[in-house]
Protein backbone atom coordinates (compact mmCIF):
# COMPACT_ATOMS: atom_id res chain seq x y z
CA MET A 1 80.09 115.01 108.38
CA LEU A 2 78.07 112.16 106.87
CA THR A 3 77.36 112.33 103.14
CA PRO A 4 74.89 109.88 101.56
CA ALA A 5 75.29 108.07 98.26
CA VAL A 6 74.77 110.43 95.33
CA GLU A 7 75.13 110.71 91.59
CA GLN A 8 77.84 112.78 89.95
CA ARG A 9 77.45 113.94 86.36
CA PHE A 10 80.24 115.19 84.14
CA SER A 11 81.37 115.38 80.54
CA THR A 12 84.84 114.50 79.36
CA THR A 13 86.75 113.71 76.18
CA ALA A 14 88.23 110.25 75.58
CA PRO A 15 91.82 109.93 74.34
CA ASN A 16 90.53 109.40 70.78
CA GLY A 17 88.67 112.74 70.87
CA THR A 18 85.19 111.26 71.46
CA SER A 19 83.05 113.36 73.80
CA LEU A 20 81.62 111.27 76.64
CA SER A 21 78.81 112.16 79.03
CA THR A 22 78.85 110.10 82.23
CA THR A 23 76.81 109.63 85.39
CA SER A 24 78.66 107.99 88.28
CA ALA A 25 77.13 106.43 91.40
CA ILE A 26 79.16 107.78 94.30
CA GLY A 27 79.01 105.76 97.54
CA ALA A 28 78.16 107.17 100.93
CA GLY A 29 81.05 108.69 102.78
CA LEU A 30 82.14 110.10 106.09
CA GLY A 31 84.14 113.29 105.74
CA SER A 32 85.23 116.11 107.98
CA GLU A 33 84.82 119.87 108.01
CA ALA A 34 86.36 122.42 110.37
CA GLY A 35 86.10 126.16 110.24
CA MET A 36 86.07 129.53 111.88
CA GLY A 37 83.63 132.34 111.40
CA TYR A 38 81.99 135.47 112.65
CA ASP A 39 78.32 135.91 113.54
CA PHE A 40 76.89 139.31 112.55
CA GLY A 41 73.43 138.57 113.98
CA LYS A 42 71.26 137.51 111.03
CA ALA A 43 74.29 136.93 108.81
CA ARG A 44 77.43 134.81 109.25
CA ALA A 45 80.75 134.46 107.44
CA GLU A 46 82.98 131.36 107.64
CA ILE A 47 86.26 129.97 106.35
CA THR A 48 86.19 126.16 106.28
CA ALA A 49 88.46 123.28 105.34
CA ILE A 50 86.61 120.21 104.05
CA TYR A 51 87.91 116.68 103.38
CA ASN A 52 85.59 114.21 101.65
CA PRO A 53 86.75 110.72 100.54
CA ARG A 54 84.22 108.73 98.46
CA SER A 55 84.12 105.52 96.45
CA VAL A 56 82.82 105.35 92.87
CA ASN A 57 80.57 102.28 92.59
CA SER A 58 79.59 102.44 88.93
CA THR A 59 79.53 104.77 85.98
CA THR A 60 77.08 105.03 83.08
CA VAL A 61 78.53 106.36 79.82
CA ASP A 62 76.50 107.75 76.92
CA LEU A 63 78.24 106.11 73.94
CA PRO A 64 77.37 106.61 70.24
CA LEU A 65 75.55 103.22 70.28
CA GLY A 66 73.65 103.93 73.53
CA GLN A 67 74.17 103.97 77.28
CA ARG A 68 76.38 101.42 79.00
CA THR A 69 76.84 100.96 82.76
CA PHE A 70 80.16 99.75 84.20
CA GLN A 71 80.68 98.43 87.73
CA LEU A 72 83.87 99.81 89.24
CA ASP A 73 86.04 98.35 92.01
CA ASP A 74 88.62 100.26 94.05
CA VAL A 75 87.94 103.59 92.35
CA SER A 76 87.82 106.59 94.65
CA ILE A 77 87.42 110.32 94.42
CA LYS A 78 88.78 112.49 97.24
CA THR A 79 88.32 116.22 97.60
CA THR A 80 90.00 118.68 99.93
CA SER A 81 88.57 122.19 99.89
CA LEU A 82 89.19 125.59 101.42
CA MET A 83 86.02 127.67 101.18
CA VAL A 84 84.93 131.19 102.14
CA SER A 85 81.16 131.27 102.70
CA GLY A 86 78.37 133.61 103.72
CA TYR A 87 75.04 132.68 105.32
CA ARG A 88 71.71 134.36 106.00
CA ASP A 89 69.91 133.07 109.12
CA ILE A 90 66.10 132.96 109.18
CA PRO A 91 64.55 132.54 112.68
CA ILE A 92 61.78 129.93 112.91
CA MET A 93 61.39 129.39 116.68
CA ARG A 94 62.78 132.25 118.75
CA ASN A 95 66.16 131.34 120.32
CA LYS A 96 65.87 127.63 119.32
CA LEU A 97 65.46 126.88 115.61
CA GLU A 98 66.78 128.74 112.55
CA ALA A 99 66.85 128.00 108.85
CA TYR A 100 69.70 129.33 106.74
CA LEU A 101 70.75 129.86 103.15
CA GLY A 102 74.36 130.18 102.15
CA GLY A 103 76.98 129.87 99.51
CA GLY A 104 80.70 130.05 99.10
CA ILE A 105 83.68 129.97 96.79
CA GLY A 106 87.19 128.66 97.15
CA VAL A 107 89.68 126.11 95.91
CA ARG A 108 89.21 122.35 95.68
CA TYR A 109 91.96 119.74 95.29
CA THR A 110 90.53 116.59 93.67
CA THR A 111 92.18 113.17 93.39
CA ILE A 112 90.65 110.44 91.19
CA ASN A 113 92.11 106.90 90.90
CA ALA A 114 92.99 105.52 87.45
CA PHE A 115 90.52 103.05 85.93
CA SER A 116 89.56 101.59 82.57
CA LEU A 117 86.26 100.98 80.76
CA THR A 118 85.68 98.39 78.04
CA PRO A 119 82.54 99.47 76.14
CA SER A 120 82.87 96.68 73.56
CA PRO A 121 85.31 93.83 72.84
CA GLY A 122 88.65 95.17 71.67
CA ILE A 123 87.90 98.77 72.78
CA THR A 124 89.23 99.94 76.14
CA ILE A 125 89.14 103.49 77.45
CA GLN A 126 91.94 104.12 79.94
CA VAL A 127 91.17 106.88 82.44
CA PRO A 128 94.42 107.96 84.14
CA SER A 129 94.60 109.06 87.75
CA ASP A 130 94.16 112.77 88.14
CA HIS A 131 95.25 115.24 90.80
CA ASP A 132 94.01 118.74 90.16
CA THR A 133 93.39 122.01 92.00
CA ASN A 134 90.48 124.03 90.68
CA PHE A 135 87.90 126.68 91.50
CA GLY A 136 85.18 125.32 93.80
CA TYR A 137 81.78 126.61 94.84
CA GLN A 138 78.95 125.51 97.09
CA ALA A 139 75.32 126.33 97.87
CA LYS A 140 73.64 125.33 101.13
CA VAL A 141 70.24 125.29 102.79
CA GLY A 142 69.96 124.07 106.37
CA LEU A 143 68.46 124.05 109.83
CA THR A 144 70.21 124.95 113.09
CA TYR A 145 68.91 123.88 116.51
CA LYS A 146 70.40 125.76 119.47
CA VAL A 147 71.13 123.15 122.16
CA LYS A 148 72.81 125.68 124.48
CA LYS A 149 73.71 129.34 124.17
CA LYS A 150 77.01 128.49 122.45
CA LEU A 151 76.30 125.01 120.99
CA ASP A 152 74.27 124.27 117.85
CA LEU A 153 73.27 121.11 115.99
CA PHE A 154 72.77 121.49 112.26
CA ALA A 155 71.64 119.56 109.20
CA GLU A 156 72.16 120.94 105.71
CA ALA A 157 71.74 120.06 102.07
CA VAL A 158 74.80 121.01 100.01
CA TYR A 159 75.56 121.23 96.32
CA ALA A 160 79.35 121.38 95.86
CA GLY A 161 80.73 122.03 92.40
CA THR A 162 84.17 122.14 90.85
CA VAL A 163 85.11 123.72 87.53
CA THR A 164 87.89 121.63 85.96
CA SER A 165 89.72 121.78 82.67
CA SER A 166 90.05 118.03 82.07
CA GLU A 167 86.86 116.43 83.45
CA GLY A 168 84.37 119.23 82.80
CA ASN A 169 82.20 120.46 85.63
CA LEU A 170 81.94 118.08 88.59
CA GLY A 171 79.01 118.43 90.97
CA ILE A 172 77.99 116.49 94.05
CA PHE A 173 74.80 116.88 96.07
CA GLY A 174 74.95 115.73 99.68
CA VAL A 175 73.68 116.10 103.22
CA ARG A 176 75.79 117.13 106.19
CA ILE A 177 75.04 116.90 109.86
CA GLY A 178 77.18 118.24 112.66
CA THR A 179 77.72 120.63 115.55
CA ARG A 180 78.74 124.25 115.66
CA ARG A 181 80.45 125.79 118.70
CA ARG A 182 80.18 129.56 119.26
CA PHE A 183 82.83 131.40 121.26
């Protein structure tokens, strides 16, 4: 699964109680997804495990005196998810090409490295590492091309969100490409 560079937006509270709104530039990543499902004809259901390691290149923070962008080195965000999803297939070319819409819910384990931001001389915001399991959700739209009777190629756009207690709501938009084997 190849995921391009994206932006991640979230709100958090600094140790001094100041509310911060941030936008982080997340680097491109290569993750993996494996699952099992059942095809009902025009509908499908799947259970999938997803691992997605990414680097955080920079973050822009909305501070009381304006926006400030920080370049970050060696900061990563890794997610491991277990999702239950449903899909509706929409035939485009009979027996060859289908579009689909889908969505799912599950759990997402997120790991973020510790880092610090210095918005002005003498002021440093320490962001500790975080390991948290939270409710996750996803929405997908995609295309499936049937290579053989039991082998598909697919490309999909995915919005994956996580509801957390400490970082606010985390959301990542990405693109996945891959194969699907039918038994």
